[in-house]
């Protein structure tokens, strides 16, 4: 009976969600949505980053630093890097129940990814990487990662600053980050503590993260050694005087 009750509850919830989605879509004016798209589109049937930046400015967001713009493109269903096509925009706006700038501004206020649960945020974090690629590249330059990672991950990682220091000082200039490395950094941030407790050397982490840990542990050891040497020098100086 319990299992049957759960199944009935699941079906009822699914039906209710589908009904709510349909009612939301029926309340929007598709013609107004099309007008919005044409307003921001900078190419036929397409909003590239120029058009997306125009939309962002009108919605009160800084396109270079506001994570809510990435969240909006994610919610609209953008599938290719740095662009939203007309079908994605119109269908996304219908799903979201928005057909004018006022409604979209109100929606944007609710798009802070810090409110997402980990599973949903993981999907968003993956999207950010895919959306931020350039052309046909499957990886991101480390300079792009330096700018993008703090915006995307927010306060979900205590390792962000150290990892970016590692990319700057511990990797070659032409280093590029893969999707697997990007997504693994999020999981690494959840499982590994500031002192790297929880890190397993023989674990399944990408090589880049193994090198990050080695780099940081070596830096910590070097700093401790310098501190010990300075302390010994001070002690000797005191004894001599």
C-alpha atoms as a PDB file:
ATOM      1  CA  UNK A   1       0.000   0.000   0.000  1.00  0.00           C
ATOM      2  CA  UNK A   2       2.823   2.352   0.838  1.00  0.00           C
ATOM      3  CA  UNK A   3       4.449   1.779  -2.545  1.00  0.00           C
ATOM      4  CA  UNK A   4       1.106   2.261  -4.302  1.00  0.00           C
ATOM      5  CA  UNK A   5       0.523   5.481  -2.371  1.00  0.00           C
ATOM      6  CA  UNK A   6       3.975   6.801  -3.354  1.00  0.00           C
ATOM      7  CA  UNK A   7       3.320   5.997  -6.991  1.00  0.00           C
ATOM      8  CA  UNK A   8      -0.015   7.796  -6.887  1.00  0.00           C
ATOM      9  CA  UNK A   9       1.621  10.815  -5.261  1.00  0.00           C
ATOM     10  CA  UNK A  10       4.352  10.839  -7.919  1.00  0.00           C
ATOM     11  CA  UNK A  11       1.812  10.734 -10.740  1.00  0.00           C
ATOM     12  CA  UNK A  12      -0.257  13.456  -9.094  1.00  0.00           C
ATOM     13  CA  UNK A  13       2.792  15.703  -8.720  1.00  0.00           C
ATOM     14  CA  UNK A  14       3.843  15.120 -12.340  1.00  0.00           C
ATOM     15  CA  UNK A  15       0.324  15.911 -13.555  1.00  0.00           C
ATOM     16  CA  UNK A  16       0.202  19.065 -11.461  1.00  0.00           C
ATOM     17  CA  UNK A  17       3.587  20.240 -12.758  1.00  0.00           C
ATOM     18  CA  UNK A  18       2.572  19.587 -16.369  1.00  0.00           C
ATOM     19  CA  UNK A  19      -0.698  21.477 -15.846  1.00  0.00           C
ATOM     20  CA  UNK A  20       1.152  24.409 -14.272  1.00  0.00           C
ATOM     21  CA  UNK A  21       3.656  24.513 -17.128  1.00  0.00           C
ATOM     22  CA  UNK A  22       0.871  24.478 -19.715  1.00  0.00           C
ATOM     23  CA  UNK A  23      -1.029  27.256 -17.934  1.00  0.00           C
ATOM     24  CA  UNK A  24       2.143  29.359 -17.716  1.00  0.00           C
ATOM     25  CA  UNK A  25       2.815  28.939 -21.426  1.00  0.00           C
ATOM     26  CA  UNK A  26      -0.798  29.812 -22.272  1.00  0.00           C
ATOM     27  CA  UNK A  27      -0.525  33.081 -20.316  1.00  0.00           C
ATOM     28  CA  UNK A  28       2.316  34.460 -22.428  1.00  0.00           C
ATOM     29  CA  UNK A  29       1.957  36.413 -25.645  1.00  0.00           C
ATOM     30  CA  UNK A  30       4.101  34.696 -28.274  1.00  0.00           C
ATOM     31  CA  UNK A  31       4.054  37.758 -30.538  1.00  0.00           C
ATOM     32  CA  UNK A  32       5.596  39.880 -27.763  1.00  0.00           C
ATOM     33  CA  UNK A  33       8.283  37.240 -27.209  1.00  0.00           C
ATOM     34  CA  UNK A  34       9.150  37.361 -30.915  1.00  0.00           C
ATOM     35  CA  UNK A  35       9.384  41.136 -30.743  1.00  0.00           C
ATOM     36  CA  UNK A  36      11.802  40.903 -27.818  1.00  0.00           C
ATOM     37  CA  UNK A  37      13.979  38.492 -29.740  1.00  0.00           C
ATOM     38  CA  UNK A  38      14.058  40.728 -32.807  1.00  0.00           C
ATOM     39  CA  UNK A  39      14.994  43.635 -30.550  1.00  0.00           C
ATOM     40  CA  UNK A  40      18.079  41.890 -29.217  1.00  0.00           C
ATOM     41  CA  UNK A  41      19.062  39.661 -32.139  1.00  0.00           C
ATOM     42  CA  UNK A  42      22.238  40.887 -33.832  1.00  0.00           C
ATOM     43  CA  UNK A  43      22.184  38.287 -36.629  1.00  0.00           C
ATOM     44  CA  UNK A  44      19.266  36.726 -38.522  1.00  0.00           C
ATOM     45  CA  UNK A  45      17.558  34.288 -36.143  1.00  0.00           C
ATOM     46  CA  UNK A  46      20.394  34.563 -33.655  1.00  0.00           C
ATOM     47  CA  UNK A  47      21.596  36.401 -30.568  1.00  0.00           C
ATOM     48  CA  UNK A  48      25.389  36.195 -30.387  1.00  0.00           C
ATOM     49  CA  UNK A  49      27.297  37.694 -27.453  1.00  0.00           C
ATOM     50  CA  UNK A  50      26.662  41.173 -28.838  1.00  0.00           C
ATOM     51  CA  UNK A  51      22.902  40.635 -28.675  1.00  0.00           C
ATOM     52  CA  UNK A  52      23.133  38.791 -25.366  1.00  0.00           C
ATOM     53  CA  UNK A  53      25.103  41.725 -23.937  1.00  0.00           C
ATOM     54  CA  UNK A  54      22.409  44.136 -25.111  1.00  0.00           C
ATOM     55  CA  UNK A  55      19.766  42.009 -23.394  1.00  0.00           C
ATOM     56  CA  UNK A  56      21.921  41.870 -20.261  1.00  0.00           C
ATOM     57  CA  UNK A  57      22.332  45.647 -20.159  1.00  0.00           C
ATOM     58  CA  UNK A  58      18.599  46.238 -20.505  1.00  0.00           C
ATOM     59  CA  UNK A  59      17.953  43.764 -17.703  1.00  0.00           C
ATOM     60  CA  UNK A  60      20.410  45.554 -15.420  1.00  0.00           C
ATOM     61  CA  UNK A  61      23.216  42.996 -15.519  1.00  0.00           C
ATOM     62  CA  UNK A  62      26.923  43.347 -16.270  1.00  0.00           C
ATOM     63  CA  UNK A  63      27.550  40.810 -19.032  1.00  0.00           C
ATOM     64  CA  UNK A  64      31.179  40.374 -17.971  1.00  0.00           C
ATOM     65  CA  UNK A  65      30.577  39.483 -14.333  1.00  0.00           C
ATOM     66  CA  UNK A  66      26.931  38.724 -13.485  1.00  0.00           C
ATOM     67  CA  UNK A  67      26.409  34.992 -13.099  1.00  0.00           C
ATOM     68  CA  UNK A  68      22.661  35.463 -13.537  1.00  0.00           C
ATOM     69  CA  UNK A  69      23.195  36.109 -17.257  1.00  0.00           C
ATOM     70  CA  UNK A  70      24.738  32.646 -17.588  1.00  0.00           C
ATOM     71  CA  UNK A  71      21.859  31.241 -15.550  1.00  0.00           C
ATOM     72  CA  UNK A  72      19.354  32.927 -17.873  1.00  0.00           C
ATOM     73  CA  UNK A  73      20.992  31.491 -20.998  1.00  0.00           C
ATOM     74  CA  UNK A  74      20.955  28.094 -19.285  1.00  0.00           C
ATOM     75  CA  UNK A  75      17.274  28.395 -18.443  1.00  0.00           C
ATOM     76  CA  UNK A  76      16.515  29.481 -22.014  1.00  0.00           C
ATOM     77  CA  UNK A  77      18.067  26.229 -23.207  1.00  0.00           C
ATOM     78  CA  UNK A  78      21.044  27.570 -25.184  1.00  0.00           C
ATOM     79  CA  UNK A  79      22.844  24.634 -26.796  1.00  0.00           C
ATOM     80  CA  UNK A  80      25.761  26.215 -28.663  1.00  0.00           C
ATOM     81  CA  UNK A  81      28.612  28.354 -27.318  1.00  0.00           C
ATOM     82  CA  UNK A  82      28.009  32.084 -26.927  1.00  0.00           C
ATOM     83  CA  UNK A  83      24.638  32.233 -28.687  1.00  0.00           C
ATOM     84  CA  UNK A  84      20.888  31.822 -28.280  1.00  0.00           C
ATOM     85  CA  UNK A  85      18.866  31.120 -31.398  1.00  0.00           C
ATOM     86  CA  UNK A  86      15.303  32.251 -32.000  1.00  0.00           C
ATOM     87  CA  UNK A  87      13.690  28.878 -31.289  1.00  0.00           C
ATOM     88  CA  UNK A  88      15.588  28.496 -28.009  1.00  0.00           C
ATOM     89  CA  UNK A  89      14.671  32.027 -26.930  1.00  0.00           C
ATOM     90  CA  UNK A  90      10.988  31.789 -27.794  1.00  0.00           C
ATOM     91  CA  UNK A  91      10.454  28.313 -26.347  1.00  0.00           C
ATOM     92  CA  UNK A  92      12.519  29.199 -23.273  1.00  0.00           C
ATOM     93  CA  UNK A  93      10.543  32.365 -22.634  1.00  0.00           C
ATOM     94  CA  UNK A  94       7.289  30.420 -22.917  1.00  0.00           C
ATOM     95  CA  UNK A  95       8.528  27.848 -20.401  1.00  0.00           C
ATOM     96  CA  UNK A  96       9.569  30.640 -18.050  1.00  0.00           C
ATOM     97  CA  UNK A  97       6.286  32.507 -18.456  1.00  0.00           C
ATOM     98  CA  UNK A  98       7.912  35.748 -19.660  1.00  0.00           C
ATOM     99  CA  UNK A  99       6.827  37.901 -22.575  1.00  0.00           C
ATOM    100  CA  UNK A 100       8.099  41.363 -21.652  1.00  0.00           C
ATOM    101  CA  UNK A 101      11.128  43.045 -20.117  1.00  0.00           C
ATOM    102  CA  UNK A 102       9.405  43.580 -16.768  1.00  0.00           C
ATOM    103  CA  UNK A 103       8.645  39.896 -16.304  1.00  0.00           C
ATOM    104  CA  UNK A 104      12.148  38.976 -17.413  1.00  0.00           C
ATOM    105  CA  UNK A 105      13.684  41.412 -14.914  1.00  0.00           C
ATOM    106  CA  UNK A 106      11.583  39.834 -12.158  1.00  0.00           C
ATOM    107  CA  UNK A 107      12.770  36.385 -13.242  1.00  0.00           C
ATOM    108  CA  UNK A 108      16.409  37.466 -13.307  1.00  0.00           C
ATOM    109  CA  UNK A 109      16.129  38.451  -9.647  1.00  0.00           C
ATOM    110  CA  UNK A 110      15.471  34.775  -8.830  1.00  0.00           C
ATOM    111  CA  UNK A 111      18.289  33.278 -10.902  1.00  0.00           C
ATOM    112  CA  UNK A 112      21.159  33.301  -8.395  1.00  0.00           C
ATOM    113  CA  UNK A 113      22.745  29.818  -8.786  1.00  0.00           C
ATOM    114  CA  UNK A 114      23.830  29.837  -5.138  1.00  0.00           C
ATOM    115  CA  UNK A 115      20.254  28.811  -4.323  1.00  0.00           C
ATOM    116  CA  UNK A 116      20.476  25.612  -6.416  1.00  0.00           C
ATOM    117  CA  UNK A 117      20.944  22.185  -4.863  1.00  0.00           C
ATOM    118  CA  UNK A 118      24.218  20.450  -5.724  1.00  0.00           C
ATOM    119  CA  UNK A 119      22.826  18.189  -8.432  1.00  0.00           C
ATOM    120  CA  UNK A 120      21.132  21.036 -10.280  1.00  0.00           C
ATOM    121  CA  UNK A 121      24.128  23.315  -9.804  1.00  0.00           C
ATOM    122  CA  UNK A 122      26.349  20.628 -11.305  1.00  0.00           C
ATOM    123  CA  UNK A 123      24.257  20.790 -14.502  1.00  0.00           C
ATOM    124  CA  UNK A 124      24.527  24.582 -14.530  1.00  0.00           C
ATOM    125  CA  UNK A 125      28.292  24.469 -13.915  1.00  0.00           C
ATOM    126  CA  UNK A 126      28.734  22.104 -16.853  1.00  0.00           C
ATOM    127  CA  UNK A 127      26.633  24.413 -19.030  1.00  0.00           C
ATOM    128  CA  UNK A 128      28.860  27.384 -18.160  1.00  0.00           C
ATOM    129  CA  UNK A 129      31.891  25.572 -19.555  1.00  0.00           C
ATOM    130  CA  UNK A 130      30.145  24.466 -22.736  1.00  0.00           C
ATOM    131  CA  UNK A 131      28.570  27.880 -23.330  1.00  0.00           C
ATOM    132  CA  UNK A 132      31.898  29.683 -22.815  1.00  0.00           C
ATOM    133  CA  UNK A 133      33.902  27.750 -25.405  1.00  0.00           C
ATOM    134  CA  UNK A 134      35.247  29.593 -28.421  1.00  0.00           C
ATOM    135  CA  UNK A 135      34.304  28.384 -31.886  1.00  0.00           C
ATOM    136  CA  UNK A 136      34.938  24.663 -32.282  1.00  0.00           C
ATOM    137  CA  UNK A 137      37.328  24.407 -29.316  1.00  0.00           C
ATOM    138  CA  UNK A 138      36.430  21.693 -26.825  1.00  0.00           C
ATOM    139  CA  UNK A 139      38.612  23.218 -24.090  1.00  0.00           C
ATOM    140  CA  UNK A 140      39.043  26.609 -22.390  1.00  0.00           C
ATOM    141  CA  UNK A 141      42.213  28.675 -22.249  1.00  0.00           C
ATOM    142  CA  UNK A 142      43.442  29.093 -18.704  1.00  0.00           C
ATOM    143  CA  UNK A 143      43.013  32.884 -18.977  1.00  0.00           C
ATOM    144  CA  UNK A 144      39.295  32.329 -19.608  1.00  0.00           C
ATOM    145  CA  UNK A 145      39.130  29.907 -16.667  1.00  0.00           C
ATOM    146  CA  UNK A 146      40.798  32.530 -14.461  1.00  0.00           C
ATOM    147  CA  UNK A 147      38.019  34.990 -15.236  1.00  0.00           C
ATOM    148  CA  UNK A 148      35.124  32.550 -15.438  1.00  0.00           C
ATOM    149  CA  UNK A 149      35.625  30.125 -12.548  1.00  0.00           C
ATOM    150  CA  UNK A 150      35.102  32.612  -9.674  1.00  0.00           C
ATOM    151  CA  UNK A 151      31.921  33.898 -11.336  1.00  0.00           C
ATOM    152  CA  UNK A 152      30.524  30.421 -11.999  1.00  0.00           C
ATOM    153  CA  UNK A 153      31.375  28.618  -8.775  1.00  0.00           C
ATOM    154  CA  UNK A 154      30.821  31.504  -6.348  1.00  0.00           C
ATOM    155  CA  UNK A 155      31.391  30.526  -2.721  1.00  0.00           C
ATOM    156  CA  UNK A 156      30.953  26.793  -3.311  1.00  0.00           C
ATOM    157  CA  UNK A 157      34.717  26.222  -3.353  1.00  0.00           C
ATOM    158  CA  UNK A 158      37.404  27.068  -0.817  1.00  0.00           C
ATOM    159  CA  UNK A 159      40.040  26.081  -3.373  1.00  0.00           C
ATOM    160  CA  UNK A 160      39.265  28.606  -6.124  1.00  0.00           C
ATOM    161  CA  UNK A 161      41.966  31.180  -5.337  1.00  0.00           C
ATOM    162  CA  UNK A 162      44.636  28.520  -4.801  1.00  0.00           C
ATOM    163  CA  UNK A 163      43.654  26.696  -7.989  1.00  0.00           C
ATOM    164  CA  UNK A 164      43.873  29.880 -10.040  1.00  0.00           C
ATOM    165  CA  UNK A 165      47.284  30.616  -8.477  1.00  0.00           C
ATOM    166  CA  UNK A 166      48.338  27.153  -9.579  1.00  0.00           C
ATOM    167  CA  UNK A 167      47.115  27.759 -13.138  1.00  0.00           C
ATOM    168  CA  UNK A 168      49.082  31.032 -13.218  1.00  0.00           C
ATOM    169  CA  UNK A 169      52.323  29.859 -11.610  1.00  0.00           C
ATOM    170  CA  UNK A 170      52.373  26.087 -11.946  1.00  0.00           C
ATOM    171  CA  UNK A 171      51.255  25.347 -15.495  1.00  0.00           C
ATOM    172  CA  UNK A 172      52.604  26.212 -18.985  1.00  0.00           C
ATOM    173  CA  UNK A 173      51.244  29.367 -20.697  1.00  0.00           C
ATOM    174  CA  UNK A 174      49.370  27.305 -23.293  1.00  0.00           C
ATOM    175  CA  UNK A 175      47.482  25.203 -20.722  1.00  0.00           C
ATOM    176  CA  UNK A 176      43.851  24.533 -21.606  1.00  0.00           C
ATOM    177  CA  UNK A 177      41.215  23.089 -19.272  1.00  0.00           C
ATOM    178  CA  UNK A 178      38.942  20.245 -20.358  1.00  0.00           C
ATOM    179  CA  UNK A 179      35.306  19.714 -19.443  1.00  0.00           C
ATOM    180  CA  UNK A 180      36.255  16.750 -17.253  1.00  0.00           C
ATOM    181  CA  UNK A 181      38.804  18.837 -15.354  1.00  0.00           C
ATOM    182  CA  UNK A 182      36.306  21.690 -14.959  1.00  0.00           C
ATOM    183  CA  UNK A 183      33.530  19.454 -13.609  1.00  0.00           C
ATOM    184  CA  UNK A 184      35.957  17.485 -11.429  1.00  0.00           C
ATOM    185  CA  UNK A 185      37.073  20.700  -9.741  1.00  0.00           C
ATOM    186  CA  UNK A 186      33.526  21.168  -8.452  1.00  0.00           C
ATOM    187  CA  UNK A 187      33.438  17.651  -6.999  1.00  0.00           C
ATOM    188  CA  UNK A 188      36.955  18.139  -5.628  1.00  0.00           C
ATOM    189  CA  UNK A 189      35.739  21.298  -3.877  1.00  0.00           C
ATOM    190  CA  UNK A 190      32.937  19.359  -2.205  1.00  0.00           C
ATOM    191  CA  UNK A 191      35.051  16.414  -1.034  1.00  0.00           C
ATOM    192  CA  UNK A 192      38.465  17.882  -0.230  1.00  0.00           C
ATOM    193  CA  UNK A 193      39.100  20.181   2.738  1.00  0.00           C
ATOM    194  CA  UNK A 194      41.375  23.274   2.780  1.00  0.00           C
ATOM    195  CA  UNK A 195      44.312  21.205   4.103  1.00  0.00           C
ATOM    196  CA  UNK A 196      43.580  18.610   1.364  1.00  0.00           C
ATOM    197  CA  UNK A 197      42.197  16.125   3.849  1.00  0.00           C
ATOM    198  CA  UNK A 198      39.941  13.861   1.785  1.00  0.00           C
ATOM    199  CA  UNK A 199      42.262  13.884  -1.217  1.00  0.00           C
ATOM    200  CA  UNK A 200      43.456  10.430  -2.272  1.00  0.00           C
ATOM    201  CA  UNK A 201      46.589  10.335  -4.396  1.00  0.00           C
ATOM    202  CA  UNK A 202      45.476   7.150  -6.118  1.00  0.00           C
ATOM    203  CA  UNK A 203      41.939   8.434  -6.623  1.00  0.00           C
ATOM    204  CA  UNK A 204      40.228   9.057  -9.943  1.00  0.00           C
ATOM    205  CA  UNK A 205      40.973  12.793 -10.119  1.00  0.00           C
ATOM    206  CA  UNK A 206      42.249  14.221 -13.428  1.00  0.00           C
ATOM    207  CA  UNK A 207      46.021  14.709 -13.586  1.00  0.00           C
ATOM    208  CA  UNK A 208      45.588  18.492 -13.448  1.00  0.00           C
ATOM    209  CA  UNK A 209      44.071  18.243  -9.956  1.00  0.00           C
ATOM    210  CA  UNK A 210      46.818  15.859  -8.800  1.00  0.00           C
ATOM    211  CA  UNK A 211      49.360  18.434  -9.987  1.00  0.00           C
ATOM    212  CA  UNK A 212      47.411  21.174  -8.192  1.00  0.00           C
ATOM    213  CA  UNK A 213      47.615  19.311  -4.880  1.00  0.00           C
ATOM    214  CA  UNK A 214      51.340  18.607  -5.364  1.00  0.00           C
ATOM    215  CA  UNK A 215      51.947  22.267  -6.185  1.00  0.00           C
ATOM    216  CA  UNK A 216      50.108  23.524  -3.103  1.00  0.00           C
ATOM    217  CA  UNK A 217      51.674  20.995  -0.716  1.00  0.00           C
ATOM    218  CA  UNK A 218      55.144  21.866  -2.032  1.00  0.00           C
ATOM    219  CA  UNK A 219      54.408  25.582  -1.599  1.00  0.00           C
ATOM    220  CA  UNK A 220      53.190  25.012   1.975  1.00  0.00           C
ATOM    221  CA  UNK A 221      56.287  22.959   2.797  1.00  0.00           C
ATOM    222  CA  UNK A 222      58.543  25.645   1.339  1.00  0.00           C
ATOM    223  CA  UNK A 223      56.823  28.371   3.349  1.00  0.00           C
ATOM    224  CA  UNK A 224      57.126  26.303   6.538  1.00  0.00           C
ATOM    225  CA  UNK A 225      60.820  25.708   5.882  1.00  0.00           C
ATOM    226  CA  UNK A 226      61.432  29.420   5.398  1.00  0.00           C
ATOM    227  CA  UNK A 227      59.563  30.114   8.617  1.00  0.00           C
ATOM    228  CA  UNK A 228      61.670  27.574  10.523  1.00  0.00           C
ATOM    229  CA  UNK A 229      64.896  29.032   9.097  1.00  0.00           C
ATOM    230  CA  UNK A 230      63.891  32.568  10.005  1.00  0.00           C
ATOM    231  CA  UNK A 231      62.993  31.451  13.502  1.00  0.00           C
ATOM    232  CA  UNK A 232      66.359  29.755  13.927  1.00  0.00           C
ATOM    233  CA  UNK A 233      68.192  32.845  12.662  1.00  0.00           C
ATOM    234  CA  UNK A 234      66.319  35.051  15.110  1.00  0.00           C
ATOM    235  CA  UNK A 235      67.164  32.643  17.923  1.00  0.00           C
ATOM    236  CA  UNK A 236      70.852  32.632  17.038  1.00  0.00           C
ATOM    237  CA  UNK A 237      70.907  36.421  16.798  1.00  0.00           C
ATOM    238  CA  UNK A 238      69.392  36.689  20.261  1.00  0.00           C
ATOM    239  CA  UNK A 239      71.939  34.279  21.713  1.00  0.00           C
ATOM    240  CA  UNK A 240      74.846  36.231  20.192  1.00  0.00           C
ATOM    241  CA  UNK A 241      73.677  39.482  21.691  1.00  0.00           C
END
